[in-house]
Amino acid sequence: MRTTSRGIVAALALGPLLAGCFASGDGGPGTDGAGAGGRLRIALAVPPVQALSPYSNDATVLSKLSVAEGLTALDEDGAAAPALATSWKRTNDTTWTFELREATFQDGTDVTAEAVVGALDHANRAETRPRVLSDVTLTAKAADADTVTLTTKTPDPVLPLRLASPALGILSPKAYAKDGTVSPVGTGTGPFEITRLTGKTKATLDRYDGYWGGRAKAPGIDVSWIADGTARAGALRGGDVDIAEWIPTAQAELLDESTRHEVPSVRTDSLVLNTASGLFADAPLRAAARAAVDGGVLVDSVFGGYADEAEGLFGPAVPWAARDRVEVTGRAKAATAAQVREETRGRTLRLAAYTNRAELPEAATVLQQQLEKAGFTVKQDVREYTQMEADLLAGKYDALVFSRVTLLDTGDAVAYLASDYTGDGVYNIAGLKDAKVDRAVRAAAEEGDTAERHRKIMRAEAEILRTDAVVPLVHEKVVQGIADDVEGVLLDPRERSLVDVDTRIE
C-alpha cells in the first residue's frame, strides 16, 4: 500500500502566495477490489452536524472526500496553490484579483465569477459565519466572467491562504436556499459528487466525470460515520471498510503494521476553561486548575506514546513554534487547595469531553482526579460532539477536554487564534474577552513579513496562555487505518485531505 504524505507544515512564505503548483493526476476507470466495483469504503469519526453544510465543522468532510474546492488549496509546504483560481495578484494593500480556471459544477453549470461571488457572499451573510472569516471583512465582485476581485476592510497579507479553507468551498448557486441552508449534494466541483446523504450515518459519492483535474481512479465512495473508535478499528480489521480515520491509540497496536499509519499532526489537545461564567470566571481558580493539570502523564497512560507533551498551543508539527516561543508572564496567582474548596463550596466543576476521539473521555478521567486533588468537586459530561456543541458555545460547561487542529482553517495560525480566543471569535468556547489578547492577535493578522508574523503569533500565544483560558495538554500523533490494497491515501497533518483523484483500490 502506498500513501501520499502532505508533509509537516513548513514556514509559510508570502512569496509563494502569488504562485504555486496544484497537480491532480489524470484518473482512469475504477478498478475492481474489496469495495464493490472498486468503490472506496471509508469510516469517518464525527457525524455531520448540519447535513454537511460548509458553515459548520462538516466543511472538513467536503475537503477530505474531494467534494468541494475553494479558489485556492494548500500545497505540501502549507503555501497557497491554485485550485478553482489559476492565479492571483495583489493590486494594493486591501485588494486582490483572482483568475478562474475553466471548470463546471457537478450540476453541469459553469464556474463563473458571478457564481464565485455569490458563494462568498453567502458565507459572509451566514447566520453562523465560518470561523475563517471571524477576523476579516471580505467583499467580492465580478470584474468579468473569469475574474473575481476581493477586497478586505484592512490589509490581509494571507488572503490566498484563507481562501483555501474548507469552509470557503465554492458550490453552485442551487446549493444556497432562501432560508440560509446550504447543500453540497450534487453542487461541488471536486472529483467526487455526493449523490445521497442518509442522516448522520451514511453518504454515497459517485465519481464526477466532468472534473477539471481529470477522472478519478475510484468510481465512488461509500461513507459510514462510526463515532466509536473501537468500532472503526474493528470495521477495518474485519474488512468492512478500506479506510478508517482516527484509530484510537488503544486500538492501534491491534492493527497489522502494514495497515497502521502514524501521521504527525498539528492537533493539540487542551483543557479549555470557561472564563465568562461559572467557576472559572475567577482567575485564581483558573490558575489553580492550570497548576493542577499535568498533560505529561497522558502521553503514555492515555495516548500510548502517540503524542508529545504540550509546550504551548502549537507543537512540533509547526516547526517555527519552538524557535519563536515567548515566555508566559503575568499569570494570576493560583488559589491553594484550601482556597479552592472554600471558593467552590456547594458548586461543581462541570467537565465536558466527547466520544468522537476515544482518548478524550479517558483523559477527562485523569484530569478529574488531578482537579479533585486540587480541591475541586468535578462532574463529567461525556457525549458525542454534535450533541454538546451548542451547549459548549453557550457557556454551559466550566471546562472542556478539547482536541483542536490549530492550522485547519487557513494553514495560518492567526485564524485559529482569532476564532477561538478573541472577544468576537465565532468559536470562542472559552468565552475569553481580553484586550491584550485581542491586540496581540490583531498585530499578528496585520503583519505581512512571514518571519515577523510567526514571532507575533507566538507573542499572541503567550498572551492567551497568560489568561489561563486554555491549558495545553498534548500534541497528538494521528493514526490512520488503511487496508493493504488501497493506494494514494493522503496522510495530512492538517487533517483536511484524505482521498483525491489518485486514491483507489488495487
Protein backbone atom coordinates (compact mmCIF):
# COMPACT_ATOMS: atom_id res chain seq x y z
CA MET A 1 0.00 0.00 0.00
CA ARG A 2 1.39 3.40 -0.98
CA THR A 3 0.26 6.67 0.53
CA THR A 4 0.94 10.29 -0.26
CA SER A 5 2.44 12.40 2.51
CA ARG A 6 1.42 16.01 2.73
CA GLY A 7 4.48 16.83 4.81
CA ILE A 8 4.75 18.65 8.09
CA VAL A 9 3.56 22.24 7.99
CA ALA A 10 6.51 24.39 6.99
CA ALA A 11 7.17 28.09 7.46
CA LEU A 12 4.73 29.98 5.26
CA ALA A 13 6.50 32.16 2.73
CA LEU A 14 4.42 35.04 1.43
CA GLY A 15 6.29 34.91 -1.86
CA PRO A 16 4.70 31.56 -2.85
CA LEU A 17 1.28 33.04 -2.12
CA LEU A 18 1.46 34.64 -5.53
CA ALA A 19 2.16 31.45 -7.43
CA GLY A 20 2.08 27.74 -6.74
CA CYS A 21 1.57 24.27 -8.09
CA PHE A 22 -1.56 22.20 -7.83
CA ALA A 23 -1.32 18.92 -9.62
CA SER A 24 -4.14 16.44 -9.99
CA GLY A 25 -3.45 13.17 -11.71
CA ASP A 26 -5.46 12.10 -14.72
CA GLY A 27 -7.55 9.27 -13.41
CA GLY A 28 -8.54 6.14 -15.22
CA PRO A 29 -11.54 3.91 -14.76
CA GLY A 30 -12.18 2.48 -11.32
CA THR A 31 -10.73 -0.96 -10.74
CA ASP A 32 -12.32 -3.92 -9.07
CA GLY A 33 -11.28 -4.54 -5.47
CA ALA A 34 -12.60 -5.14 -1.98
CA GLY A 35 -15.21 -2.44 -2.44
CA ALA A 36 -17.95 -3.26 -4.94
CA GLY A 37 -16.66 -2.24 -8.37
CA GLY A 38 -13.57 -0.72 -6.76
CA ARG A 39 -15.59 1.76 -4.68
CA LEU A 40 -13.78 3.05 -1.61
CA ARG A 41 -15.40 2.30 1.74
CA ILE A 42 -14.47 4.89 4.35
CA ALA A 43 -15.30 5.13 8.07
CA LEU A 44 -15.25 8.71 9.37
CA ALA A 45 -15.36 9.63 13.05
CA VAL A 46 -17.52 12.72 13.52
CA PRO A 47 -21.10 12.51 12.19
CA PRO A 48 -22.45 15.54 10.31
CA VAL A 49 -23.60 18.41 12.49
CA GLN A 50 -25.55 20.33 9.81
CA ALA A 51 -26.11 17.96 6.88
CA LEU A 52 -22.57 18.67 5.59
CA SER A 53 -23.05 22.43 5.47
CA PRO A 54 -19.72 24.14 4.76
CA TYR A 55 -20.52 26.66 7.50
CA SER A 56 -20.11 24.05 10.23
CA ASN A 57 -17.36 21.64 11.22
CA ASP A 58 -18.76 19.44 8.43
CA ALA A 59 -16.77 21.52 5.94
CA THR A 60 -13.73 19.35 6.55
CA VAL A 61 -15.63 16.30 5.28
CA LEU A 62 -16.18 18.04 1.94
CA SER A 63 -12.44 18.61 1.72
CA LYS A 64 -11.39 15.15 2.90
CA LEU A 65 -13.62 13.47 0.33
CA SER A 66 -12.70 15.86 -2.52
CA VAL A 67 -16.26 17.08 -2.98
CA ALA A 68 -15.77 20.84 -2.87
CA GLU A 69 -12.90 23.19 -3.64
CA GLY A 70 -12.01 26.77 -2.90
CA LEU A 71 -10.29 29.33 -5.07
CA THR A 72 -7.01 28.09 -3.63
CA ALA A 73 -5.61 24.99 -1.96
CA LEU A 74 -2.62 24.33 0.30
CA ASP A 75 0.45 22.64 -1.11
CA GLU A 76 2.69 20.27 0.83
CA ASP A 77 4.59 23.17 2.40
CA GLY A 78 1.43 24.95 3.55
CA ALA A 79 1.62 27.66 0.89
CA ALA A 80 -1.35 28.72 -1.25
CA ALA A 81 -1.63 26.89 -4.58
CA PRO A 82 -4.13 27.18 -7.45
CA ALA A 83 -7.45 25.36 -7.26
CA LEU A 84 -10.52 26.98 -8.88
CA ALA A 85 -8.34 30.04 -9.39
CA THR A 86 -5.33 29.58 -11.64
CA SER A 87 -3.51 32.70 -10.50
CA TRP A 88 -3.91 35.83 -8.41
CA LYS A 89 -2.19 39.10 -7.67
CA ARG A 90 -2.36 41.76 -5.01
CA THR A 91 -3.15 45.11 -6.56
CA ASN A 92 -2.92 47.13 -3.32
CA ASP A 93 -2.93 46.55 0.45
CA THR A 94 -6.59 45.53 0.55
CA THR A 95 -7.41 44.35 -2.99
CA TRP A 96 -6.66 41.10 -4.82
CA THR A 97 -7.74 39.75 -8.21
CA PHE A 98 -8.20 36.04 -8.96
CA GLU A 99 -8.35 34.50 -12.41
CA LEU A 100 -10.65 31.46 -12.63
CA ARG A 101 -9.95 28.23 -14.44
CA GLU A 102 -12.45 26.63 -16.83
CA ALA A 103 -14.47 24.27 -14.64
CA THR A 104 -18.03 23.09 -14.06
CA PHE A 105 -20.11 22.37 -11.03
CA GLN A 106 -21.43 18.87 -10.53
CA ASP A 107 -24.89 20.03 -11.65
CA GLY A 108 -23.40 20.84 -15.07
CA THR A 109 -23.36 24.64 -14.75
CA ASP A 110 -20.19 26.64 -15.32
CA VAL A 111 -17.96 28.04 -12.60
CA THR A 112 -18.17 31.78 -13.28
CA ALA A 113 -17.11 34.89 -11.43
CA GLU A 114 -20.74 35.58 -10.55
CA ALA A 115 -21.11 32.11 -9.06
CA VAL A 116 -17.95 32.56 -7.00
CA VAL A 117 -19.09 35.97 -5.77
CA GLY A 118 -22.46 34.50 -4.81
CA ALA A 119 -20.84 31.67 -2.86
CA LEU A 120 -18.53 34.02 -0.93
CA ASP A 121 -21.40 36.44 -0.25
CA HIS A 122 -23.46 33.60 1.23
CA ALA A 123 -20.54 32.71 3.51
CA ASN A 124 -20.27 36.34 4.64
CA ARG A 125 -24.01 36.53 5.37
CA ALA A 126 -24.33 33.13 7.03
CA GLU A 127 -26.09 33.18 10.39
CA THR A 128 -23.02 31.49 11.84
CA ARG A 129 -20.13 32.82 9.81
CA PRO A 130 -17.30 30.40 9.04
CA ARG A 131 -14.50 30.66 11.61
CA VAL A 132 -12.09 31.60 8.85
CA LEU A 133 -13.98 34.90 8.36
CA SER A 134 -14.07 35.78 12.05
CA ASP A 135 -11.24 38.29 11.77
CA VAL A 136 -11.78 39.71 8.28
CA THR A 137 -14.40 41.67 6.36
CA LEU A 138 -14.43 40.38 2.78
CA THR A 139 -16.15 41.90 -0.26
CA ALA A 140 -16.28 40.03 -3.58
CA LYS A 141 -17.08 41.45 -7.02
CA ALA A 142 -17.03 40.01 -10.54
CA ALA A 143 -14.61 42.04 -12.66
CA ASP A 144 -15.55 39.98 -15.72
CA ALA A 145 -16.76 36.44 -16.42
CA ASP A 146 -13.49 34.87 -15.29
CA THR A 147 -12.05 37.40 -12.85
CA VAL A 148 -13.02 37.98 -9.22
CA THR A 149 -11.89 40.99 -7.22
CA LEU A 150 -11.70 40.55 -3.45
CA THR A 151 -11.39 43.49 -1.08
CA THR A 152 -10.77 43.39 2.66
CA LYS A 153 -11.53 46.17 5.11
CA THR A 154 -8.00 46.03 6.47
CA PRO A 155 -4.85 44.55 4.89
CA ASP A 156 -4.89 40.76 4.89
CA PRO A 157 -1.50 39.51 3.68
CA VAL A 158 -2.55 35.85 3.83
CA LEU A 159 -5.85 36.11 1.98
CA PRO A 160 -4.88 33.36 -0.53
CA LEU A 161 -4.31 31.01 2.43
CA ARG A 162 -7.66 31.99 3.91
CA LEU A 163 -9.46 31.12 0.69
CA ALA A 164 -8.11 27.56 0.92
CA SER A 165 -10.29 26.94 3.97
CA PRO A 166 -12.77 24.05 3.53
CA ALA A 167 -15.44 26.44 4.83
CA LEU A 168 -14.99 28.64 1.74
CA GLY A 169 -15.53 25.89 -0.80
CA ILE A 170 -17.36 27.20 -3.86
CA LEU A 171 -20.71 25.49 -4.54
CA SER A 172 -23.13 26.03 -7.41
CA PRO A 173 -25.88 28.64 -7.00
CA LYS A 174 -28.53 25.97 -6.44
CA ALA A 175 -26.75 24.90 -3.23
CA TYR A 176 -27.91 28.02 -1.41
CA ALA A 177 -31.53 28.01 -0.22
CA LYS A 178 -33.52 31.10 0.66
CA ASP A 179 -33.73 30.00 4.30
CA GLY A 180 -29.94 30.16 4.59
CA THR A 181 -29.27 26.43 4.46
CA VAL A 182 -26.58 25.12 2.15
CA SER A 183 -26.50 21.70 0.49
CA PRO A 184 -23.35 20.25 -1.08
CA VAL A 185 -25.31 17.34 -2.59
CA GLY A 186 -24.50 17.47 -6.30
CA THR A 187 -23.26 21.06 -6.12
CA GLY A 188 -19.48 20.87 -5.65
CA THR A 189 -16.67 20.98 -8.19
CA GLY A 190 -14.47 18.12 -6.98
CA PRO A 191 -13.84 14.68 -8.48
CA PHE A 192 -16.45 13.09 -6.20
CA GLU A 193 -20.12 14.07 -6.07
CA ILE A 194 -22.43 13.44 -3.13
CA THR A 195 -25.48 11.67 -4.53
CA ARG A 196 -27.14 10.66 -1.29
CA LEU A 197 -26.83 11.68 2.35
CA THR A 198 -28.58 9.42 4.86
CA GLY A 199 -28.93 11.39 8.07
CA LYS A 200 -25.82 11.22 10.23
CA THR A 201 -24.86 7.68 9.34
CA LYS A 202 -24.07 7.23 5.64
CA ALA A 203 -23.30 9.05 2.41
CA THR A 204 -22.91 7.88 -1.16
CA LEU A 205 -20.49 9.61 -3.52
CA ASP A 206 -20.03 8.88 -7.21
CA ARG A 207 -17.17 9.90 -9.47
CA TYR A 208 -17.83 13.21 -11.24
CA ASP A 209 -16.52 12.65 -14.75
CA GLY A 210 -16.58 16.36 -15.59
CA TYR A 211 -13.91 17.22 -13.04
CA TRP A 212 -11.41 19.73 -14.43
CA GLY A 213 -8.46 17.87 -12.89
CA GLY A 214 -9.09 14.52 -14.57
CA ARG A 215 -11.19 11.45 -13.97
CA ALA A 216 -10.85 9.89 -10.51
CA LYS A 217 -9.45 6.37 -10.40
CA ALA A 218 -12.08 5.17 -7.94
CA PRO A 219 -15.68 5.03 -9.24
CA GLY A 220 -17.11 6.26 -5.97
CA ILE A 221 -17.02 6.34 -2.18
CA ASP A 222 -19.34 4.79 0.38
CA VAL A 223 -19.05 6.65 3.67
CA SER A 224 -20.10 5.42 7.10
CA TRP A 225 -19.89 7.60 10.19
CA ILE A 226 -18.82 5.46 13.12
CA ALA A 227 -18.36 7.61 16.20
CA ASP A 228 -16.95 4.77 18.32
CA GLY A 229 -13.22 4.44 17.66
CA THR A 230 -13.07 0.79 18.65
CA ALA A 231 -15.83 0.04 16.16
CA ARG A 232 -13.96 1.94 13.42
CA ALA A 233 -10.83 -0.08 14.03
CA GLY A 234 -12.88 -3.26 14.12
CA ALA A 235 -14.51 -2.41 10.79
CA LEU A 236 -11.08 -2.12 9.20
CA ARG A 237 -9.77 -5.32 10.74
CA GLY A 238 -12.91 -7.15 9.65
CA GLY A 239 -12.62 -5.95 6.06
CA ASP A 240 -15.85 -3.93 6.21
CA VAL A 241 -14.09 -0.66 5.30
CA ASP A 242 -10.97 0.20 3.33
CA ILE A 243 -10.03 3.36 5.25
CA ALA A 244 -10.77 4.15 8.90
CA GLU A 245 -9.69 7.54 10.21
CA TRP A 246 -8.53 8.40 13.72
CA ILE A 247 -7.78 4.97 15.07
CA PRO A 248 -7.70 5.15 18.90
CA THR A 249 -4.24 4.61 20.31
CA ALA A 250 -5.52 1.67 22.35
CA GLN A 251 -6.58 0.02 19.10
CA ALA A 252 -3.56 0.98 17.00
CA GLU A 253 -1.37 -1.91 18.14
CA LEU A 254 -4.16 -4.36 17.25
CA LEU A 255 -3.86 -3.42 13.57
CA ASP A 256 -1.39 -5.09 11.27
CA GLU A 257 1.71 -2.94 10.94
CA SER A 258 1.06 -2.57 7.20
CA THR A 259 -2.38 -1.03 7.82
CA ARG A 260 -1.34 1.32 10.66
CA HIS A 261 -0.06 4.73 9.58
CA GLU A 262 1.18 7.31 12.06
CA VAL A 263 0.83 10.94 10.95
CA PRO A 264 2.45 13.93 12.70
CA SER A 265 -0.38 16.29 13.45
CA VAL A 266 -0.98 19.97 14.08
CA ARG A 267 -3.68 18.82 16.52
CA THR A 268 -3.32 19.94 20.14
CA ASP A 269 -5.43 18.57 22.98
CA SER A 270 -6.13 21.09 25.73
CA LEU A 271 -8.29 21.80 28.74
CA VAL A 272 -10.38 24.82 27.76
CA LEU A 273 -11.76 26.82 30.70
CA ASN A 274 -14.93 28.94 30.55
CA THR A 275 -13.74 32.42 31.56
CA ALA A 276 -17.11 34.09 31.02
CA SER A 277 -19.24 32.39 33.68
CA GLY A 278 -19.17 29.74 36.37
CA LEU A 279 -16.20 28.72 38.48
CA PHE A 280 -13.53 29.79 36.05
CA ALA A 281 -14.67 33.36 35.68
CA ASP A 282 -12.34 33.66 38.70
CA ALA A 283 -8.72 33.99 37.54
CA PRO A 284 -7.09 32.42 40.67
CA LEU A 285 -9.33 29.37 40.25
CA ARG A 286 -8.28 29.08 36.61
CA ALA A 287 -4.67 29.32 37.72
CA ALA A 288 -5.29 26.58 40.28
CA ALA A 289 -6.69 24.33 37.58
CA ARG A 290 -3.71 25.03 35.33
CA ALA A 291 -1.28 24.28 38.14
CA ALA A 292 -3.10 21.03 38.95
CA VAL A 293 -3.19 19.63 35.44
CA ASP A 294 -0.27 17.56 34.16
CA GLY A 295 -0.61 16.67 30.49
CA GLY A 296 2.65 14.75 30.53
CA VAL A 297 1.07 11.78 32.31
CA LEU A 298 -1.39 11.41 29.41
CA VAL A 299 1.31 10.72 26.80
CA ASP A 300 1.81 7.08 27.78
CA SER A 301 -1.16 6.35 30.03
CA VAL A 302 -3.82 7.55 27.58
CA PHE A 303 -2.17 8.02 24.18
CA GLY A 304 0.13 5.00 24.24
CA GLY A 305 3.07 7.13 23.18
CA TYR A 306 1.25 8.57 20.14
CA ALA A 307 1.58 12.13 21.48
CA ASP A 308 4.09 14.66 22.81
CA GLU A 309 3.66 16.65 26.00
CA ALA A 310 2.39 20.10 25.03
CA GLU A 311 4.74 23.06 25.19
CA GLY A 312 2.03 25.51 24.13
CA LEU A 313 -0.81 25.80 21.65
CA PHE A 314 1.46 24.76 18.76
CA GLY A 315 3.53 21.60 18.70
CA PRO A 316 6.41 20.01 16.79
CA ALA A 317 4.40 19.74 13.56
CA VAL A 318 4.61 23.56 13.42
CA PRO A 319 8.39 23.88 13.06
CA TRP A 320 8.73 27.58 13.80
CA ALA A 321 6.74 27.43 17.05
CA ALA A 322 9.53 26.22 19.35
CA ARG A 323 12.01 28.65 17.82
CA ASP A 324 9.79 31.70 18.37
CA ARG A 325 8.04 30.70 21.62
CA VAL A 326 7.69 33.52 24.17
CA GLU A 327 7.87 33.08 27.95
CA VAL A 328 4.47 33.43 29.60
CA THR A 329 4.37 36.11 32.29
CA GLY A 330 1.70 37.97 34.26
CA ARG A 331 -0.45 34.99 35.21
CA ALA A 332 -2.76 35.17 38.22
CA LYS A 333 -1.56 33.53 41.44
CA ALA A 334 -3.09 30.08 41.81
CA ALA A 335 -5.55 29.53 44.67
CA THR A 336 -4.45 26.91 47.18
CA ALA A 337 -6.41 23.68 47.61
CA ALA A 338 -7.95 25.08 50.79
CA GLN A 339 -8.95 28.27 48.99
CA VAL A 340 -10.38 26.27 46.09
CA ARG A 341 -12.54 24.22 48.47
CA GLU A 342 -13.75 27.37 50.20
CA GLU A 343 -14.42 29.34 46.99
CA THR A 344 -16.24 26.45 45.31
CA ARG A 345 -18.19 25.19 48.31
CA GLY A 346 -21.53 23.83 47.10
CA ARG A 347 -20.55 24.20 43.44
CA THR A 348 -19.49 21.53 40.98
CA LEU A 349 -16.98 21.86 38.15
CA ARG A 350 -18.80 20.73 35.01
CA LEU A 351 -16.17 18.94 32.90
CA ALA A 352 -17.12 18.08 29.30
CA ALA A 353 -15.50 15.58 26.95
CA TYR A 354 -16.70 13.99 23.75
CA THR A 355 -16.59 10.44 22.50
CA ASN A 356 -15.62 11.03 18.85
CA ARG A 357 -11.97 10.88 19.83
CA ALA A 358 -11.67 7.83 22.05
CA GLU A 359 -8.78 9.19 24.13
CA LEU A 360 -10.64 12.26 25.39
CA PRO A 361 -13.02 10.57 27.86
CA GLU A 362 -10.08 8.65 29.33
CA ALA A 363 -8.07 11.86 29.54
CA ALA A 364 -11.03 13.53 31.28
CA THR A 365 -10.97 10.87 33.98
CA VAL A 366 -7.26 11.51 34.62
CA LEU A 367 -7.84 15.27 34.67
CA GLN A 368 -10.79 14.86 37.05
CA GLN A 369 -8.51 13.12 39.54
CA GLN A 370 -5.92 15.89 39.21
CA LEU A 371 -8.52 18.63 39.66
CA GLU A 372 -10.14 16.93 42.65
CA LYS A 373 -6.74 16.70 44.30
CA ALA A 374 -6.52 20.49 43.87
CA GLY A 375 -9.80 20.96 45.78
CA PHE A 376 -12.44 20.98 43.04
CA THR A 377 -15.59 18.85 43.02
CA VAL A 378 -15.87 17.55 39.46
CA LYS A 379 -18.71 16.00 37.47
CA GLN A 380 -18.11 14.76 33.93
CA ASP A 381 -20.48 15.03 30.98
CA VAL A 382 -19.29 12.79 28.15
CA ARG A 383 -21.29 12.68 24.92
CA GLU A 384 -20.93 12.66 21.16
CA TYR A 385 -19.66 16.07 19.99
CA THR A 386 -22.65 17.07 17.90
CA GLN A 387 -24.88 16.66 20.96
CA MET A 388 -22.93 19.18 23.00
CA GLU A 389 -21.52 21.77 20.58
CA ALA A 390 -24.39 24.25 21.09
CA ASP A 391 -24.06 24.00 24.89
CA LEU A 392 -20.29 24.46 24.67
CA LEU A 393 -20.64 27.65 22.65
CA ALA A 394 -23.39 28.84 25.02
CA GLY A 395 -21.03 28.50 28.01
CA LYS A 396 -22.95 25.77 29.82
CA TYR A 397 -19.78 23.96 30.95
CA ASP A 398 -16.87 25.05 33.11
CA ALA A 399 -14.22 23.10 31.24
CA LEU A 400 -13.81 21.06 28.08
CA VAL A 401 -11.24 18.45 27.14
CA PHE A 402 -10.78 19.63 23.58
CA SER A 403 -8.88 18.34 20.55
CA ARG A 404 -8.22 21.14 18.03
CA VAL A 405 -6.46 21.19 14.66
CA THR A 406 -4.67 24.51 15.05
CA LEU A 407 -3.94 25.09 11.36
CA LEU A 408 -7.16 23.69 9.90
CA ASP A 409 -8.98 26.80 8.81
CA THR A 410 -6.33 28.55 6.74
CA GLY A 411 -2.98 26.89 7.24
CA ASP A 412 -2.14 30.15 9.04
CA ALA A 413 -2.35 30.15 12.83
CA VAL A 414 -3.88 33.62 13.13
CA ALA A 415 -7.33 32.44 12.03
CA TYR A 416 -7.35 29.79 14.77
CA LEU A 417 -6.30 32.29 17.45
CA ALA A 418 -8.88 34.83 16.27
CA SER A 419 -11.80 32.41 16.14
CA ASP A 420 -11.06 30.65 19.44
CA TYR A 421 -9.69 33.35 21.74
CA THR A 422 -10.63 36.88 20.67
CA GLY A 423 -13.62 38.76 22.03
CA ASP A 424 -15.64 38.42 18.82
CA GLY A 425 -14.32 34.99 17.83
CA VAL A 426 -17.03 32.72 16.47
CA TYR A 427 -15.61 29.57 18.14
CA ASN A 428 -14.66 31.14 21.46
CA ILE A 429 -15.67 28.26 23.74
CA ALA A 430 -13.54 29.80 26.49
CA GLY A 431 -15.64 32.98 26.35
CA LEU A 432 -12.40 34.93 26.57
CA LYS A 433 -12.57 38.71 26.37
CA ASP A 434 -9.14 40.18 26.96
CA ALA A 435 -7.95 43.41 25.36
CA LYS A 436 -4.27 42.41 25.38
CA VAL A 437 -5.08 39.14 23.63
CA ASP A 438 -7.17 40.95 21.02
CA ARG A 439 -4.37 43.43 20.33
CA ALA A 440 -1.75 40.70 20.04
CA VAL A 441 -3.83 38.64 17.61
CA ARG A 442 -4.63 41.76 15.58
CA ALA A 443 -0.94 42.65 15.36
CA ALA A 444 -0.16 39.20 14.00
CA ALA A 445 -3.00 39.42 11.50
CA GLU A 446 -1.70 42.69 10.11
CA GLU A 447 1.89 41.51 9.70
CA GLY A 448 2.95 40.71 6.13
CA ASP A 449 6.51 39.55 6.70
CA THR A 450 6.49 35.79 7.26
CA ALA A 451 9.19 35.56 9.94
CA GLU A 452 7.82 38.50 11.89
CA ARG A 453 4.27 37.13 11.55
CA HIS A 454 5.43 33.91 13.22
CA ARG A 455 7.03 35.86 16.06
CA LYS A 456 3.85 37.86 16.61
CA ILE A 457 1.76 34.69 16.57
CA MET A 458 3.88 33.33 19.39
CA ARG A 459 3.53 36.58 21.33
CA ALA A 460 -0.22 36.18 20.96
CA GLU A 461 0.09 32.60 22.20
CA ALA A 462 1.83 33.87 25.33
CA GLU A 463 -0.92 36.44 25.95
CA ILE A 464 -3.59 33.74 25.62
CA LEU A 465 -1.77 31.36 27.95
CA ARG A 466 -1.37 34.22 30.45
CA THR A 467 -5.15 34.26 30.94
CA ASP A 468 -5.32 30.51 31.75
CA ALA A 469 -8.31 30.26 29.41
CA VAL A 470 -6.66 27.16 27.95
CA VAL A 471 -4.22 24.62 29.35
CA PRO A 472 -2.38 22.74 26.57
CA LEU A 473 -2.03 19.03 27.35
CA VAL A 474 -0.53 17.05 24.45
CA HIS A 475 0.25 17.34 20.76
CA GLU A 476 -1.29 14.31 19.06
CA LYS A 477 0.06 11.91 16.52
CA VAL A 478 -2.87 10.70 14.42
CA VAL A 479 -3.16 7.04 13.45
CA GLN A 480 -4.98 6.31 10.18
CA GLY A 481 -6.04 2.79 9.25
CA ILE A 482 -5.67 1.87 5.57
CA ALA A 483 -6.18 -1.54 4.01
CA ASP A 484 -3.24 -3.11 2.18
CA ASP A 485 -4.90 -2.93 -1.24
CA VAL A 486 -5.63 0.80 -1.10
CA GLU A 487 -3.24 3.26 -2.73
CA GLY A 488 -2.97 7.02 -2.89
CA VAL A 489 -4.42 7.94 0.52
CA LEU A 490 -3.35 11.43 1.65
CA LEU A 491 -1.66 11.49 5.05
CA ASP A 492 -2.26 15.10 6.01
CA PRO A 493 -1.02 16.69 9.28
CA ARG A 494 -3.76 19.32 8.86
CA GLU A 495 -6.48 16.63 8.59
CA ARG A 496 -8.24 18.36 5.72
CA SER A 497 -7.30 15.85 2.98
CA LEU A 498 -7.83 12.11 2.75
CA VAL A 499 -8.73 10.99 -0.80
CA ASP A 500 -8.29 12.54 -4.24
CA VAL A 501 -8.31 11.51 -7.90
CA ASP A 502 -5.47 9.03 -7.36
CA THR A 503 -6.89 7.18 -4.35
CA ARG A 504 -8.01 3.72 -5.39
CA ILE A 505 -8.25 0.01 -4.66
CA GLU A 506 -5.70 -2.11 -6.50
